[in-house]
Amino acid sequence: MTSIILIFVLQLIYVPILTLRTIFLVKNMSVAASSFGVLEALVYVFGLSLVFSGHQTIAGMIVYAVGFGVGLYIGSRIENKLAIGFVSLAVNLLDLNEELIVVLRNKGFGVTVFEGKGRDSKRYQLEILTKRNRENEVMSIIEEYEPKAFIISYEPRKFKGGYLVKSMKKYFRRQNEGHQSN
């Protein structure tokens, strides 16, 4: 019974590590991905050695599989809380909402406005790039000011220049100056 509980606990540790390693790898964060890879391999080998120790039972194998599934759920929840990376939102509006644009900009979001021609009339699109951990905040603001907006959210892989990059550089410059004066 102890080995079955240990197998389950190991899966609850292993799979979130696997999930985070994969995410860090996809986001090109090689050092973090490598570190999680080492931990993943250690837990994996130890867990498999318990399952295939010669005393394998159907219950042990089922617990291994269930632990894997629960671990995936936990890993995805952890990743959602960390919200690593950036998100780009394309917000399509029927009318130009200057108040929404001002509110978004005052909250620190870079907003680019495009005007286009739809089937029946002019349309407007706001393009917003922000950190993933602020995506729900942006969505709430848009919902409050434009409940009928059509929004597409996606994760950009690479970007260069622009408002967000400039503001990040200023932030890191201020952080470094603060650490040097201490």
C-alpha atoms as a PDB file:
ATOM      1  CA  MET A   1       0.000   0.000   0.000  1.00  0.00           C
ATOM      2  CA  THR A   2       2.855   2.390   0.803  1.00  0.00           C
ATOM      3  CA  SER A   3       4.359   1.931  -2.661  1.00  0.00           C
ATOM      4  CA  ILE A   4       1.018   2.722  -4.331  1.00  0.00           C
ATOM      5  CA  ILE A   5       0.723   5.985  -2.379  1.00  0.00           C
ATOM      6  CA  LEU A   6       4.352   6.810  -3.181  1.00  0.00           C
ATOM      7  CA  ILE A   7       3.734   6.143  -6.890  1.00  0.00           C
ATOM      8  CA  PHE A   8       0.748   8.505  -6.830  1.00  0.00           C
ATOM      9  CA  VAL A   9       2.701  11.235  -5.008  1.00  0.00           C
ATOM     10  CA  LEU A  10       5.622  10.867  -7.425  1.00  0.00           C
ATOM     11  CA  GLN A  11       3.261  11.329 -10.374  1.00  0.00           C
ATOM     12  CA  LEU A  12       1.850  14.463  -8.717  1.00  0.00           C
ATOM     13  CA  ILE A  13       5.409  15.801  -8.599  1.00  0.00           C
ATOM     14  CA  TYR A  14       6.631  14.424 -11.929  1.00  0.00           C
ATOM     15  CA  VAL A  15       3.888  15.576 -14.279  1.00  0.00           C
ATOM     16  CA  PRO A  16       3.747  19.255 -13.198  1.00  0.00           C
ATOM     17  CA  ILE A  17       7.546  19.327 -13.610  1.00  0.00           C
ATOM     18  CA  LEU A  18       7.117  17.782 -17.074  1.00  0.00           C
ATOM     19  CA  THR A  19       4.459  20.390 -17.934  1.00  0.00           C
ATOM     20  CA  LEU A  20       6.606  23.307 -16.786  1.00  0.00           C
ATOM     21  CA  ARG A  21       9.688  21.944 -18.564  1.00  0.00           C
ATOM     22  CA  THR A  22       7.738  21.720 -21.802  1.00  0.00           C
ATOM     23  CA  ILE A  23       6.386  25.257 -21.429  1.00  0.00           C
ATOM     24  CA  PHE A  24       9.815  26.688 -20.657  1.00  0.00           C
ATOM     25  CA  LEU A  25      11.213  24.849 -23.682  1.00  0.00           C
ATOM     26  CA  VAL A  26       8.498  26.218 -25.974  1.00  0.00           C
ATOM     27  CA  LYS A  27       9.102  29.731 -24.616  1.00  0.00           C
ATOM     28  CA  ASN A  28      12.826  29.360 -25.343  1.00  0.00           C
ATOM     29  CA  MET A  29      13.821  29.516 -21.664  1.00  0.00           C
ATOM     30  CA  SER A  30      16.568  26.905 -21.993  1.00  0.00           C
ATOM     31  CA  VAL A  31      18.149  27.126 -18.523  1.00  0.00           C
ATOM     32  CA  ALA A  32      14.824  26.722 -16.715  1.00  0.00           C
ATOM     33  CA  ALA A  33      13.807  23.918 -19.109  1.00  0.00           C
ATOM     34  CA  SER A  34      17.104  22.095 -18.504  1.00  0.00           C
ATOM     35  CA  SER A  35      16.789  22.428 -14.734  1.00  0.00           C
ATOM     36  CA  PHE A  36      13.269  21.050 -14.768  1.00  0.00           C
ATOM     37  CA  GLY A  37      14.470  18.305 -17.125  1.00  0.00           C
ATOM     38  CA  VAL A  38      16.974  17.060 -14.544  1.00  0.00           C
ATOM     39  CA  LEU A  39      14.303  16.990 -11.829  1.00  0.00           C
ATOM     40  CA  GLU A  40      11.864  15.329 -14.197  1.00  0.00           C
ATOM     41  CA  ALA A  41      14.302  12.544 -15.065  1.00  0.00           C
ATOM     42  CA  LEU A  42      15.100  11.832 -11.403  1.00  0.00           C
ATOM     43  CA  VAL A  43      11.458  11.591 -10.364  1.00  0.00           C
ATOM     44  CA  TYR A  44      10.575   9.589 -13.491  1.00  0.00           C
ATOM     45  CA  VAL A  45      13.258   6.960 -12.983  1.00  0.00           C
ATOM     46  CA  PHE A  46      12.453   6.609  -9.299  1.00  0.00           C
ATOM     47  CA  GLY A  47       8.703   6.277 -10.014  1.00  0.00           C
ATOM     48  CA  LEU A  48       9.183   3.747 -12.789  1.00  0.00           C
ATOM     49  CA  SER A  49      11.529   1.699 -10.638  1.00  0.00           C
ATOM     50  CA  LEU A  50       8.717   1.370  -8.093  1.00  0.00           C
ATOM     51  CA  VAL A  51       6.164   0.394 -10.743  1.00  0.00           C
ATOM     52  CA  PHE A  52       8.458  -2.170 -12.413  1.00  0.00           C
ATOM     53  CA  SER A  53      10.173  -3.493  -9.288  1.00  0.00           C
ATOM     54  CA  GLY A  54       8.887  -6.979  -9.928  1.00  0.00           C
ATOM     55  CA  HIS A  55       5.961  -6.475  -7.580  1.00  0.00           C
ATOM     56  CA  GLN A  56       3.841  -4.620 -10.092  1.00  0.00           C
ATOM     57  CA  THR A  57       0.144  -4.939  -9.577  1.00  0.00           C
ATOM     58  CA  ILE A  58      -2.786  -3.773 -11.625  1.00  0.00           C
ATOM     59  CA  ALA A  59      -3.579  -1.313  -8.825  1.00  0.00           C
ATOM     60  CA  GLY A  60      -0.037   0.121  -8.971  1.00  0.00           C
ATOM     61  CA  MET A  61      -0.260   0.634 -12.718  1.00  0.00           C
ATOM     62  CA  ILE A  62      -3.713   2.219 -12.473  1.00  0.00           C
ATOM     63  CA  VAL A  63      -2.518   4.549  -9.708  1.00  0.00           C
ATOM     64  CA  TYR A  64       0.454   5.470 -11.919  1.00  0.00           C
ATOM     65  CA  ALA A  65      -1.912   6.400 -14.775  1.00  0.00           C
ATOM     66  CA  VAL A  66      -4.380   8.273 -12.524  1.00  0.00           C
ATOM     67  CA  GLY A  67      -1.488  10.152 -10.910  1.00  0.00           C
ATOM     68  CA  PHE A  68      -0.317  11.140 -14.380  1.00  0.00           C
ATOM     69  CA  GLY A  69      -3.749  12.575 -15.228  1.00  0.00           C
ATOM     70  CA  VAL A  70      -4.095  14.447 -11.939  1.00  0.00           C
ATOM     71  CA  GLY A  71      -0.519  15.713 -12.338  1.00  0.00           C
ATOM     72  CA  LEU A  72      -1.368  17.125 -15.782  1.00  0.00           C
ATOM     73  CA  TYR A  73      -4.279  19.010 -14.270  1.00  0.00           C
ATOM     74  CA  ILE A  74      -2.086  20.396 -11.471  1.00  0.00           C
ATOM     75  CA  GLY A  75       0.683  21.323 -13.938  1.00  0.00           C
ATOM     76  CA  SER A  76      -1.726  23.228 -16.169  1.00  0.00           C
ATOM     77  CA  ARG A  77      -3.139  25.094 -13.154  1.00  0.00           C
ATOM     78  CA  ILE A  78       0.384  26.066 -12.050  1.00  0.00           C
ATOM     79  CA  GLU A  79       1.226  27.293 -15.560  1.00  0.00           C
ATOM     80  CA  ASN A  80      -1.974  29.357 -15.698  1.00  0.00           C
ATOM     81  CA  LYS A  81      -1.070  30.979 -12.367  1.00  0.00           C
ATOM     82  CA  LEU A  82       2.472  31.733 -13.551  1.00  0.00           C
ATOM     83  CA  ALA A  83       1.131  33.107 -16.878  1.00  0.00           C
ATOM     84  CA  ILE A  84       4.578  33.142 -18.462  1.00  0.00           C
ATOM     85  CA  GLY A  85       5.027  35.168 -21.627  1.00  0.00           C
ATOM     86  CA  PHE A  86       2.959  37.640 -23.568  1.00  0.00           C
ATOM     87  CA  VAL A  87      -0.402  37.768 -25.263  1.00  0.00           C
ATOM     88  CA  SER A  88      -1.583  39.799 -28.216  1.00  0.00           C
ATOM     89  CA  LEU A  89      -5.230  40.765 -28.522  1.00  0.00           C
ATOM     90  CA  ALA A  90      -6.974  41.881 -31.694  1.00  0.00           C
ATOM     91  CA  VAL A  91     -10.154  43.692 -30.632  1.00  0.00           C
ATOM     92  CA  ASN A  92     -12.659  44.352 -33.414  1.00  0.00           C
ATOM     93  CA  LEU A  93     -15.161  47.169 -32.853  1.00  0.00           C
ATOM     94  CA  LEU A  94     -18.062  48.538 -34.878  1.00  0.00           C
ATOM     95  CA  ASP A  95     -17.411  52.085 -33.620  1.00  0.00           C
ATOM     96  CA  LEU A  96     -14.266  53.832 -32.444  1.00  0.00           C
ATOM     97  CA  ASN A  97     -14.403  53.943 -28.644  1.00  0.00           C
ATOM     98  CA  GLU A  98     -11.969  56.662 -27.580  1.00  0.00           C
ATOM     99  CA  GLU A  99     -12.863  56.221 -23.919  1.00  0.00           C
ATOM    100  CA  LEU A 100     -11.841  52.533 -24.019  1.00  0.00           C
ATOM    101  CA  ILE A 101      -8.550  53.426 -25.721  1.00  0.00           C
ATOM    102  CA  VAL A 102      -7.750  56.116 -23.124  1.00  0.00           C
ATOM    103  CA  VAL A 103      -8.577  53.777 -20.215  1.00  0.00           C
ATOM    104  CA  LEU A 104      -6.389  51.007 -21.650  1.00  0.00           C
ATOM    105  CA  ARG A 105      -3.477  53.379 -22.235  1.00  0.00           C
ATOM    106  CA  ASN A 106      -3.843  54.898 -18.749  1.00  0.00           C
ATOM    107  CA  LYS A 107      -3.606  51.381 -17.306  1.00  0.00           C
ATOM    108  CA  GLY A 108      -0.265  50.954 -19.093  1.00  0.00           C
ATOM    109  CA  PHE A 109      -1.364  48.947 -22.131  1.00  0.00           C
ATOM    110  CA  GLY A 110       0.025  49.798 -25.545  1.00  0.00           C
ATOM    111  CA  VAL A 111      -2.874  50.178 -27.976  1.00  0.00           C
ATOM    112  CA  THR A 112      -2.578  50.547 -31.740  1.00  0.00           C
ATOM    113  CA  VAL A 113      -5.764  51.491 -33.600  1.00  0.00           C
ATOM    114  CA  PHE A 114      -6.493  50.397 -37.160  1.00  0.00           C
ATOM    115  CA  GLU A 115      -9.373  51.500 -39.342  1.00  0.00           C
ATOM    116  CA  GLY A 116     -10.720  49.146 -41.970  1.00  0.00           C
ATOM    117  CA  LYS A 117     -13.655  48.589 -44.231  1.00  0.00           C
ATOM    118  CA  GLY A 118     -16.146  45.888 -43.339  1.00  0.00           C
ATOM    119  CA  ARG A 119     -18.971  44.540 -45.468  1.00  0.00           C
ATOM    120  CA  ASP A 120     -21.393  47.276 -44.408  1.00  0.00           C
ATOM    121  CA  SER A 121     -19.296  50.058 -42.909  1.00  0.00           C
ATOM    122  CA  LYS A 122     -16.063  51.090 -41.267  1.00  0.00           C
ATOM    123  CA  ARG A 123     -14.643  48.829 -38.593  1.00  0.00           C
ATOM    124  CA  TYR A 124     -11.961  49.485 -36.027  1.00  0.00           C
ATOM    125  CA  GLN A 125      -9.371  47.136 -34.615  1.00  0.00           C
ATOM    126  CA  LEU A 126      -7.323  47.638 -31.487  1.00  0.00           C
ATOM    127  CA  GLU A 127      -4.103  45.702 -31.235  1.00  0.00           C
ATOM    128  CA  ILE A 128      -2.868  45.219 -27.676  1.00  0.00           C
ATOM    129  CA  LEU A 129       0.303  43.422 -26.573  1.00  0.00           C
ATOM    130  CA  THR A 130       0.663  42.680 -22.868  1.00  0.00           C
ATOM    131  CA  LYS A 131       2.016  40.179 -20.390  1.00  0.00           C
ATOM    132  CA  ARG A 132      -0.132  37.064 -20.050  1.00  0.00           C
ATOM    133  CA  ASN A 133      -0.708  37.729 -16.365  1.00  0.00           C
ATOM    134  CA  ARG A 134      -2.653  40.880 -17.365  1.00  0.00           C
ATOM    135  CA  GLU A 135      -4.828  39.244 -20.043  1.00  0.00           C
ATOM    136  CA  ASN A 136      -7.905  38.890 -17.815  1.00  0.00           C
ATOM    137  CA  GLU A 137      -7.560  42.528 -16.740  1.00  0.00           C
ATOM    138  CA  VAL A 138      -7.563  43.688 -20.381  1.00  0.00           C
ATOM    139  CA  MET A 139     -10.506  41.434 -21.208  1.00  0.00           C
ATOM    140  CA  SER A 140     -12.501  42.829 -18.266  1.00  0.00           C
ATOM    141  CA  ILE A 141     -11.861  46.418 -19.316  1.00  0.00           C
ATOM    142  CA  ILE A 142     -12.891  45.680 -22.898  1.00  0.00           C
ATOM    143  CA  GLU A 143     -16.017  43.843 -21.695  1.00  0.00           C
ATOM    144  CA  GLU A 144     -16.957  46.831 -19.530  1.00  0.00           C
ATOM    145  CA  TYR A 145     -16.612  49.413 -22.326  1.00  0.00           C
ATOM    146  CA  GLU A 146     -17.408  47.272 -25.400  1.00  0.00           C
ATOM    147  CA  PRO A 147     -19.459  44.183 -24.464  1.00  0.00           C
ATOM    148  CA  LYS A 148     -20.073  43.321 -28.156  1.00  0.00           C
ATOM    149  CA  ALA A 149     -16.393  43.476 -29.160  1.00  0.00           C
ATOM    150  CA  PHE A 150     -14.985  40.513 -31.092  1.00  0.00           C
ATOM    151  CA  ILE A 151     -11.659  39.581 -29.497  1.00  0.00           C
ATOM    152  CA  ILE A 152      -8.936  37.245 -30.717  1.00  0.00           C
ATOM    153  CA  SER A 153      -6.179  36.392 -28.262  1.00  0.00           C
ATOM    154  CA  TYR A 154      -2.936  34.679 -29.241  1.00  0.00           C
ATOM    155  CA  GLU A 155       0.600  34.255 -27.975  1.00  0.00           C
ATOM    156  CA  PRO A 156       3.317  35.879 -30.093  1.00  0.00           C
ATOM    157  CA  ARG A 157       6.574  33.949 -30.312  1.00  0.00           C
ATOM    158  CA  LYS A 158       8.909  36.845 -31.026  1.00  0.00           C
ATOM    159  CA  PHE A 159       8.677  40.599 -31.172  1.00  0.00           C
ATOM    160  CA  LYS A 160      11.032  43.535 -31.473  1.00  0.00           C
ATOM    161  CA  GLY A 161      10.658  47.234 -30.710  1.00  0.00           C
ATOM    162  CA  GLY A 162       7.462  49.082 -29.883  1.00  0.00           C
ATOM    163  CA  TYR A 163       5.850  50.503 -26.764  1.00  0.00           C
ATOM    164  CA  LEU A 164       6.026  47.372 -24.601  1.00  0.00           C
ATOM    165  CA  VAL A 165       9.700  46.688 -25.305  1.00  0.00           C
ATOM    166  CA  LYS A 166      10.611  50.344 -24.577  1.00  0.00           C
ATOM    167  CA  SER A 167       8.674  50.333 -21.297  1.00  0.00           C
ATOM    168  CA  MET A 168      10.306  47.026 -20.249  1.00  0.00           C
ATOM    169  CA  LYS A 169      13.767  48.443 -20.967  1.00  0.00           C
ATOM    170  CA  LYS A 170      12.951  51.545 -18.866  1.00  0.00           C
ATOM    171  CA  TYR A 171      11.680  49.335 -16.045  1.00  0.00           C
ATOM    172  CA  PHE A 172      14.815  47.158 -16.030  1.00  0.00           C
ATOM    173  CA  ARG A 173      17.042  50.247 -16.252  1.00  0.00           C
ATOM    174  CA  ARG A 174      15.314  51.720 -13.153  1.00  0.00           C
ATOM    175  CA  GLN A 175      15.624  48.367 -11.349  1.00  0.00           C
ATOM    176  CA  ASN A 176      19.354  48.207 -12.074  1.00  0.00           C
ATOM    177  CA  GLU A 177      19.902  51.812 -10.966  1.00  0.00           C
ATOM    178  CA  GLY A 178      18.050  51.084  -7.719  1.00  0.00           C
ATOM    179  CA  HIS A 179      20.225  48.048  -6.985  1.00  0.00           C
ATOM    180  CA  GLN A 180      23.443  49.956  -7.732  1.00  0.00           C
ATOM    181  CA  SER A 181      22.593  52.787  -5.346  1.00  0.00           C
ATOM    182  CA  ASN A 182      22.007  50.378  -2.416  1.00  0.00           C
END
